[in-house]
Amino acid sequence: MKVNSSKLELAMANACMTINELSKKSNVSRVALTRFISGKCNPKPATIGKIAKALGVTVQELIDTEAATSNQLNRDSENNR
């Protein structure tokens, strides 16, 4: 899963939360959060769950659904070969 950095930042703004506050509330390091926002790495599904829970949003509100759909389509086409 890929976190959509714009959606994550928007959720943080809606929650009036800084990256440090989100780190403490989600129990995800500030360094990791910064990497997710910058797109340098993708979090594990459980980590996205922690972030979503801390922000009071659903996982679907944070992930890049186009990338998820594209990945699923690629997997489906590989399985049909």
PDB file of N, CA and C in Angstrom:
ATOM      1  N   MET A   1       0.839  -1.182   0.000  1.00  0.00           N
ATOM      2  CA  MET A   1       0.000   0.000   0.000  1.00  0.00           C
ATOM      3  C   MET A   1       0.878   1.236   0.000  1.00  0.00           C
ATOM      4  N   LYS A   2       0.415   2.231  -0.682  1.00  0.00           N
ATOM      5  CA  LYS A   2       1.147   3.489  -0.746  1.00  0.00           C
ATOM      6  C   LYS A   2       0.305   4.584  -0.094  1.00  0.00           C
ATOM      7  N   VAL A   3       0.924   5.306   0.829  1.00  0.00           N
ATOM      8  CA  VAL A   3       0.250   6.420   1.474  1.00  0.00           C
ATOM      9  C   VAL A   3       0.262   7.608   0.518  1.00  0.00           C
ATOM     10  N   ASN A   4      -0.879   8.264   0.379  1.00  0.00           N
ATOM     11  CA  ASN A   4      -0.965   9.489  -0.407  1.00  0.00           C
ATOM     12  C   ASN A   4      -0.556  10.616   0.527  1.00  0.00           C
ATOM     13  N   SER A   5       0.595  11.220   0.262  1.00  0.00           N
ATOM     14  CA  SER A   5       1.139  12.233   1.174  1.00  0.00           C
ATOM     15  C   SER A   5       0.217  13.430   1.325  1.00  0.00           C
ATOM     16  N   SER A   6      -0.464  13.820   0.259  1.00  0.00           N
ATOM     17  CA  SER A   6      -1.395  14.957   0.349  1.00  0.00           C
ATOM     18  C   SER A   6      -2.562  14.622   1.274  1.00  0.00           C
ATOM     19  N   LYS A   7      -3.077  13.393   1.152  1.00  0.00           N
ATOM     20  CA  LYS A   7      -4.184  12.975   2.018  1.00  0.00           C
ATOM     21  C   LYS A   7      -3.740  12.880   3.473  1.00  0.00           C
ATOM     22  N   LEU A   8      -2.519  12.396   3.697  1.00  0.00           N
ATOM     23  CA  LEU A   8      -1.994  12.296   5.057  1.00  0.00           C
ATOM     24  C   LEU A   8      -1.830  13.683   5.666  1.00  0.00           C
ATOM     25  N   GLU A   9      -1.248  14.598   4.915  1.00  0.00           N
ATOM     26  CA  GLU A   9      -1.070  15.966   5.419  1.00  0.00           C
ATOM     27  C   GLU A   9      -2.418  16.642   5.658  1.00  0.00           C
ATOM     28  N   LEU A  10      -3.384  16.400   4.803  1.00  0.00           N
ATOM     29  CA  LEU A  10      -4.718  16.961   4.983  1.00  0.00           C
ATOM     30  C   LEU A  10      -5.367  16.410   6.252  1.00  0.00           C
ATOM     31  N   ALA A  11      -5.235  15.111   6.479  1.00  0.00           N
ATOM     32  CA  ALA A  11      -5.786  14.500   7.689  1.00  0.00           C
ATOM     33  C   ALA A  11      -5.106  15.057   8.938  1.00  0.00           C
ATOM     34  N   MET A  12      -3.803  15.296   8.848  1.00  0.00           N
ATOM     35  CA  MET A  12      -3.082  15.896   9.973  1.00  0.00           C
ATOM     36  C   MET A  12      -3.592  17.317  10.230  1.00  0.00           C
ATOM     37  N   ALA A  13      -3.819  18.055   9.175  1.00  0.00           N
ATOM     38  CA  ALA A  13      -4.325  19.421   9.332  1.00  0.00           C
ATOM     39  C   ALA A  13      -5.728  19.415   9.932  1.00  0.00           C
ATOM     40  N   ASN A  14      -6.579  18.497   9.454  1.00  0.00           N
ATOM     41  CA  ASN A  14      -7.939  18.400   9.996  1.00  0.00           C
ATOM     42  C   ASN A  14      -7.931  18.032  11.477  1.00  0.00           C
ATOM     43  N   ALA A  15      -6.954  17.238  11.883  1.00  0.00           N
ATOM     44  CA  ALA A  15      -6.834  16.830  13.288  1.00  0.00           C
ATOM     45  C   ALA A  15      -6.034  17.847  14.102  1.00  0.00           C
ATOM     46  N   CYS A  16      -5.559  18.912  13.443  1.00  0.00           N
ATOM     47  CA  CYS A  16      -4.724  19.937  14.100  1.00  0.00           C
ATOM     48  C   CYS A  16      -3.531  19.287  14.790  1.00  0.00           C
ATOM     49  N   MET A  17      -2.866  18.385  14.063  1.00  0.00           N
ATOM     50  CA  MET A  17      -1.786  17.608  14.638  1.00  0.00           C
ATOM     51  C   MET A  17      -0.479  17.852  13.891  1.00  0.00           C
ATOM     52  N   THR A  18       0.584  18.039  14.653  1.00  0.00           N
ATOM     53  CA  THR A  18       1.909  18.146  14.051  1.00  0.00           C
ATOM     54  C   THR A  18       2.456  16.742  13.838  1.00  0.00           C
ATOM     55  N   ILE A  19       3.552  16.662  13.115  1.00  0.00           N
ATOM     56  CA  ILE A  19       4.164  15.356  12.882  1.00  0.00           C
ATOM     57  C   ILE A  19       4.638  14.747  14.196  1.00  0.00           C
ATOM     58  N   ASN A  20       5.125  15.575  15.120  1.00  0.00           N
ATOM     59  CA  ASN A  20       5.569  15.068  16.422  1.00  0.00           C
ATOM     60  C   ASN A  20       4.390  14.531  17.232  1.00  0.00           C
ATOM     61  N   GLU A  21       3.271  15.230  17.200  1.00  0.00           N
ATOM     62  CA  GLU A  21       2.071  14.770  17.922  1.00  0.00           C
ATOM     63  C   GLU A  21       1.557  13.464  17.328  1.00  0.00           C
ATOM     64  N   LEU A  22       1.546  13.392  15.994  1.00  0.00           N
ATOM     65  CA  LEU A  22       1.097  12.167  15.326  1.00  0.00           C
ATOM     66  C   LEU A  22       2.019  11.011  15.670  1.00  0.00           C
ATOM     67  N   SER A  23       3.304  11.275  15.727  1.00  0.00           N
ATOM     68  CA  SER A  23       4.269  10.246  16.079  1.00  0.00           C
ATOM     69  C   SER A  23       3.980   9.679  17.468  1.00  0.00           C
ATOM     70  N   LYS A  24       3.750  10.541  18.416  1.00  0.00           N
ATOM     71  CA  LYS A  24       3.466  10.093  19.780  1.00  0.00           C
ATOM     72  C   LYS A  24       2.148   9.335  19.861  1.00  0.00           C
ATOM     73  N   LYS A  25       1.117   9.860  19.209  1.00  0.00           N
ATOM     74  CA  LYS A  25      -0.207   9.246  19.301  1.00  0.00           C
ATOM     75  C   LYS A  25      -0.287   7.924  18.547  1.00  0.00           C
ATOM     76  N   SER A  26       0.424   7.810  17.441  1.00  0.00           N
ATOM     77  CA  SER A  26       0.357   6.591  16.617  1.00  0.00           C
ATOM     78  C   SER A  26       1.421   5.560  16.982  1.00  0.00           C
ATOM     79  N   ASN A  27       2.409   5.991  17.764  1.00  0.00           N
ATOM     80  CA  ASN A  27       3.544   5.129  18.107  1.00  0.00           C
ATOM     81  C   ASN A  27       4.336   4.731  16.857  1.00  0.00           C
ATOM     82  N   VAL A  28       4.424   5.672  15.916  1.00  0.00           N
ATOM     83  CA  VAL A  28       5.223   5.517  14.699  1.00  0.00           C
ATOM     84  C   VAL A  28       6.272   6.626  14.743  1.00  0.00           C
ATOM     85  N   SER A  29       7.516   6.299  14.493  1.00  0.00           N
ATOM     86  CA  SER A  29       8.575   7.298  14.638  1.00  0.00           C
ATOM     87  C   SER A  29       8.361   8.495  13.711  1.00  0.00           C
ATOM     88  N   ARG A  30       8.872   9.636  14.162  1.00  0.00           N
ATOM     89  CA  ARG A  30       8.781  10.854  13.366  1.00  0.00           C
ATOM     90  C   ARG A  30       9.555  10.678  12.062  1.00  0.00           C
ATOM     91  N   VAL A  31      10.678   9.997  12.125  1.00  0.00           N
ATOM     92  CA  VAL A  31      11.492   9.745  10.932  1.00  0.00           C
ATOM     93  C   VAL A  31      10.696   8.931   9.914  1.00  0.00           C
ATOM     94  N   ALA A  32      10.020   7.880  10.390  1.00  0.00           N
ATOM     95  CA  ALA A  32       9.214   7.051   9.481  1.00  0.00           C
ATOM     96  C   ALA A  32       8.084   7.869   8.866  1.00  0.00           C
ATOM     97  N   LEU A  33       7.405   8.663   9.671  1.00  0.00           N
ATOM     98  CA  LEU A  33       6.314   9.498   9.149  1.00  0.00           C
ATOM     99  C   LEU A  33       6.832  10.449   8.074  1.00  0.00           C
ATOM    100  N   THR A  34       7.985  11.034   8.320  1.00  0.00           N
ATOM    101  CA  THR A  34       8.584  11.946   7.338  1.00  0.00           C
ATOM    102  C   THR A  34       8.883  11.214   6.031  1.00  0.00           C
ATOM    103  N   ARG A  35       9.366   9.983   6.137  1.00  0.00           N
ATOM    104  CA  ARG A  35       9.652   9.195   4.929  1.00  0.00           C
ATOM    105  C   ARG A  35       8.374   8.851   4.168  1.00  0.00           C
ATOM    106  N   PHE A  36       7.288   8.553   4.887  1.00  0.00           N
ATOM    107  CA  PHE A  36       6.018   8.240   4.235  1.00  0.00           C
ATOM    108  C   PHE A  36       5.498   9.468   3.500  1.00  0.00           C
ATOM    109  N   ILE A  37       5.579  10.624   4.155  1.00  0.00           N
ATOM    110  CA  ILE A  37       5.088  11.872   3.552  1.00  0.00           C
ATOM    111  C   ILE A  37       5.909  12.230   2.319  1.00  0.00           C
ATOM    112  N   SER A  38       7.215  12.021   2.391  1.00  0.00           N
ATOM    113  CA  SER A  38       8.082  12.364   1.256  1.00  0.00           C
ATOM    114  C   SER A  38       8.031  11.320   0.137  1.00  0.00           C
ATOM    115  N   GLY A  39       7.421  10.164   0.424  1.00  0.00           N
ATOM    116  CA  GLY A  39       7.310   9.115  -0.583  1.00  0.00           C
ATOM    117  C   GLY A  39       8.552   8.257  -0.718  1.00  0.00           C
ATOM    118  N   LYS A  40       9.475   8.361   0.242  1.00  0.00           N
ATOM    119  CA  LYS A  40      10.713   7.584   0.174  1.00  0.00           C
ATOM    120  C   LYS A  40      10.516   6.112   0.484  1.00  0.00           C
ATOM    121  N   CYS A  41       9.458   5.793   1.224  1.00  0.00           N
ATOM    122  CA  CYS A  41       9.160   4.389   1.500  1.00  0.00           C
ATOM    123  C   CYS A  41       7.668   4.246   1.790  1.00  0.00           C
ATOM    124  N   ASN A  42       7.213   3.019   1.724  1.00  0.00           N
ATOM    125  CA  ASN A  42       5.800   2.729   1.968  1.00  0.00           C
ATOM    126  C   ASN A  42       5.657   1.963   3.277  1.00  0.00           C
ATOM    127  N   PRO A  43       4.689   2.357   4.089  1.00  0.00           N
ATOM    128  CA  PRO A  43       4.494   1.665   5.362  1.00  0.00           C
ATOM    129  C   PRO A  43       3.797   0.325   5.182  1.00  0.00           C
ATOM    130  N   LYS A  44       3.950  -0.536   6.187  1.00  0.00           N
ATOM    131  CA  LYS A  44       3.224  -1.795   6.226  1.00  0.00           C
ATOM    132  C   LYS A  44       1.756  -1.478   6.505  1.00  0.00           C
ATOM    133  N   PRO A  45       0.847  -2.360   6.116  1.00  0.00           N
ATOM    134  CA  PRO A  45      -0.578  -2.113   6.366  1.00  0.00           C
ATOM    135  C   PRO A  45      -0.897  -1.820   7.835  1.00  0.00           C
ATOM    136  N   ALA A  46      -0.263  -2.526   8.753  1.00  0.00           N
ATOM    137  CA  ALA A  46      -0.529  -2.284  10.180  1.00  0.00           C
ATOM    138  C   ALA A  46      -0.111  -0.879  10.593  1.00  0.00           C
ATOM    139  N   THR A  47       0.966  -0.381  10.006  1.00  0.00           N
ATOM    140  CA  THR A  47       1.437   0.971  10.322  1.00  0.00           C
ATOM    141  C   THR A  47       0.454   2.007   9.794  1.00  0.00           C
ATOM    142  N   ILE A  48      -0.067   1.790   8.597  1.00  0.00           N
ATOM    143  CA  ILE A  48      -1.083   2.698   8.068  1.00  0.00           C
ATOM    144  C   ILE A  48      -2.297   2.687   8.990  1.00  0.00           C
ATOM    145  N   GLY A  49      -2.633   1.521   9.511  1.00  0.00           N
ATOM    146  CA  GLY A  49      -3.744   1.412  10.454  1.00  0.00           C
ATOM    147  C   GLY A  49      -3.506   2.236  11.711  1.00  0.00           C
ATOM    148  N   LYS A  50      -2.292   2.183  12.240  1.00  0.00           N
ATOM    149  CA  LYS A  50      -1.951   2.968  13.431  1.00  0.00           C
ATOM    150  C   LYS A  50      -2.085   4.467  13.164  1.00  0.00           C
ATOM    151  N   ILE A  51      -1.601   4.885  12.001  1.00  0.00           N
ATOM    152  CA  ILE A  51      -1.653   6.303  11.643  1.00  0.00           C
ATOM    153  C   ILE A  51      -3.105   6.744  11.474  1.00  0.00           C
ATOM    154  N   ALA A  52      -3.890   5.948  10.756  1.00  0.00           N
ATOM    155  CA  ALA A  52      -5.302   6.277  10.532  1.00  0.00           C
ATOM    156  C   ALA A  52      -6.053   6.363  11.859  1.00  0.00           C
ATOM    157  N   LYS A  53      -5.812   5.413  12.745  1.00  0.00           N
ATOM    158  CA  LYS A  53      -6.483   5.404  14.041  1.00  0.00           C
ATOM    159  C   LYS A  53      -6.126   6.652  14.848  1.00  0.00           C
ATOM    160  N   ALA A  54      -4.858   7.020  14.839  1.00  0.00           N
ATOM    161  CA  ALA A  54      -4.411   8.206  15.577  1.00  0.00           C
ATOM    162  C   ALA A  54      -5.046   9.482  15.030  1.00  0.00           C
ATOM    163  N   LEU A  55      -5.302   9.502  13.719  1.00  0.00           N
ATOM    164  CA  LEU A  55      -5.898  10.682  13.084  1.00  0.00           C
ATOM    165  C   LEU A  55      -7.422  10.652  13.089  1.00  0.00           C
ATOM    166  N   GLY A  56      -7.997   9.509  13.448  1.00  0.00           N
ATOM    167  CA  GLY A  56      -9.455   9.395  13.460  1.00  0.00           C
ATOM    168  C   GLY A  56     -10.067   9.305  12.079  1.00  0.00           C
ATOM    169  N   VAL A  57      -9.320   8.681  11.151  1.00  0.00           N
ATOM    170  CA  VAL A  57      -9.810   8.502   9.779  1.00  0.00           C
ATOM    171  C   VAL A  57      -9.699   7.028   9.407  1.00  0.00           C
ATOM    172  N   THR A  58     -10.250   6.654   8.267  1.00  0.00           N
ATOM    173  CA  THR A  58     -10.116   5.284   7.787  1.00  0.00           C
ATOM    174  C   THR A  58      -8.818   5.150   6.989  1.00  0.00           C
ATOM    175  N   VAL A  59      -8.365   3.933   6.844  1.00  0.00           N
ATOM    176  CA  VAL A  59      -7.166   3.670   6.039  1.00  0.00           C
ATOM    177  C   VAL A  59      -7.393   4.142   4.608  1.00  0.00           C
ATOM    178  N   GLN A  60      -8.597   3.921   4.092  1.00  0.00           N
ATOM    179  CA  GLN A  60      -8.915   4.323   2.712  1.00  0.00           C
ATOM    180  C   GLN A  60      -8.729   5.819   2.491  1.00  0.00           C
ATOM    181  N   GLU A  61      -8.872   6.601   3.554  1.00  0.00           N
ATOM    182  CA  GLU A  61      -8.709   8.046   3.427  1.00  0.00           C
ATOM    183  C   GLU A  61      -7.245   8.462   3.330  1.00  0.00           C
ATOM    184  N   LEU A  62      -6.321   7.547   3.579  1.00  0.00           N
ATOM    185  CA  LEU A  62      -4.899   7.873   3.562  1.00  0.00           C
ATOM    186  C   LEU A  62      -4.128   7.250   2.415  1.00  0.00           C
ATOM    187  N   ILE A  63      -4.665   6.189   1.835  1.00  0.00           N
ATOM    188  CA  ILE A  63      -3.887   5.487   0.812  1.00  0.00           C
ATOM    189  C   ILE A  63      -4.169   6.041  -0.584  1.00  0.00           C
ATOM    190  N   ASP A  64      -3.222   5.780  -1.442  1.00  0.00           N
ATOM    191  CA  ASP A  64      -3.344   6.160  -2.842  1.00  0.00           C
ATOM    192  C   ASP A  64      -4.141   5.055  -3.526  1.00  0.00           C
ATOM    193  N   THR A  65      -5.439   5.285  -3.682  1.00  0.00           N
ATOM    194  CA  THR A  65      -6.320   4.236  -4.212  1.00  0.00           C
ATOM    195  C   THR A  65      -6.017   3.912  -5.670  1.00  0.00           C
ATOM    196  N   GLU A  66      -5.521   4.870  -6.435  1.00  0.00           N
ATOM    197  CA  GLU A  66      -5.185   4.592  -7.835  1.00  0.00           C
ATOM    198  C   GLU A  66      -4.037   3.605  -7.916  1.00  0.00           C
ATOM    199  N   ALA A  67      -3.031   3.764  -7.058  1.00  0.00           N
ATOM    200  CA  ALA A  67      -1.898   2.835  -7.051  1.00  0.00           C
ATOM    201  C   ALA A  67      -2.357   1.457  -6.595  1.00  0.00           C
ATOM    202  N   ALA A  68      -3.234   1.419  -5.600  1.00  0.00           N
ATOM    203  CA  ALA A  68      -3.745   0.135  -5.106  1.00  0.00           C
ATOM    204  C   ALA A  68      -4.529  -0.576  -6.190  1.00  0.00           C
ATOM    205  N   THR A  69      -5.361   0.140  -6.921  1.00  0.00           N
ATOM    206  CA  THR A  69      -6.147  -0.446  -8.000  1.00  0.00           C
ATOM    207  C   THR A  69      -5.230  -0.930  -9.115  1.00  0.00           C
ATOM    208  N   SER A  70      -4.234  -0.135  -9.453  1.00  0.00           N
ATOM    209  CA  SER A  70      -3.293  -0.495 -10.494  1.00  0.00           C
ATOM    210  C   SER A  70      -2.518  -1.755 -10.111  1.00  0.00           C
ATOM    211  N   ASN A  71      -2.068  -1.840  -8.857  1.00  0.00           N
ATOM    212  CA  ASN A  71      -1.342  -3.024  -8.400  1.00  0.00           C
ATOM    213  C   ASN A  71      -2.222  -4.260  -8.452  1.00  0.00           C
ATOM    214  N   GLN A  72      -3.475  -4.130  -8.072  1.00  0.00           N
ATOM    215  CA  GLN A  72      -4.389  -5.270  -8.104  1.00  0.00           C
ATOM    216  C   GLN A  72      -4.623  -5.728  -9.539  1.00  0.00           C
ATOM    217  N   LEU A  73      -4.777  -4.778 -10.447  1.00  0.00           N
ATOM    218  CA  LEU A  73      -4.977  -5.121 -11.852  1.00  0.00           C
ATOM    219  C   LEU A  73      -3.756  -5.854 -12.398  1.00  0.00           C
ATOM    220  N   ASN A  74      -2.558  -5.384 -12.020  1.00  0.00           N
ATOM    221  CA  ASN A  74      -1.334  -6.047 -12.474  1.00  0.00           C
ATOM    222  C   ASN A  74      -1.253  -7.474 -11.945  1.00  0.00           C
ATOM    223  N   ARG A  75      -1.603  -7.672 -10.667  1.00  0.00           N
ATOM    224  CA  ARG A  75      -1.578  -9.012 -10.078  1.00  0.00           C
ATOM    225  C   ARG A  75      -2.597  -9.922 -10.762  1.00  0.00           C
ATOM    226  N   ASP A  76      -3.789  -9.371 -11.032  1.00  0.00           N
ATOM    227  CA  ASP A  76      -4.829 -10.170 -11.674  1.00  0.00           C
ATOM    228  C   ASP A  76      -4.387 -10.615 -13.065  1.00  0.00           C
ATOM    229  N   SER A  77      -3.773  -9.702 -13.816  1.00  0.00           N
ATOM    230  CA  SER A  77      -3.351 -10.057 -15.173  1.00  0.00           C
ATOM    231  C   SER A  77      -2.222 -11.078 -15.151  1.00  0.00           C
ATOM    232  N   GLU A  78      -1.327 -11.005 -14.147  1.00  0.00           N
ATOM    233  CA  GLU A  78      -0.252 -11.997 -14.027  1.00  0.00           C
ATOM    234  C   GLU A  78      -0.820 -13.365 -13.678  1.00  0.00           C
ATOM    235  N   ASN A  79      -1.848 -13.397 -12.844  1.00  0.00           N
ATOM    236  CA  ASN A  79      -2.438 -14.658 -12.442  1.00  0.00           C
ATOM    237  C   ASN A  79      -3.193 -15.327 -13.580  1.00  0.00           C
ATOM    238  N   ASN A  80      -3.636 -14.550 -14.554  1.00  0.00           N
ATOM    239  CA  ASN A  80      -4.399 -15.093 -15.670  1.00  0.00           C
ATOM    240  C   ASN A  80      -3.513 -15.587 -16.803  1.00  0.00           C
ATOM    241  N   ARG A  81      -2.213 -15.451 -16.662  1.00  0.00           N
ATOM    242  CA  ARG A  81      -1.291 -15.886 -17.736  1.00  0.00           C
ATOM    243  C   ARG A  81      -1.049 -17.354 -17.703  1.00  0.00           C
TER     244      ARG A  81
END
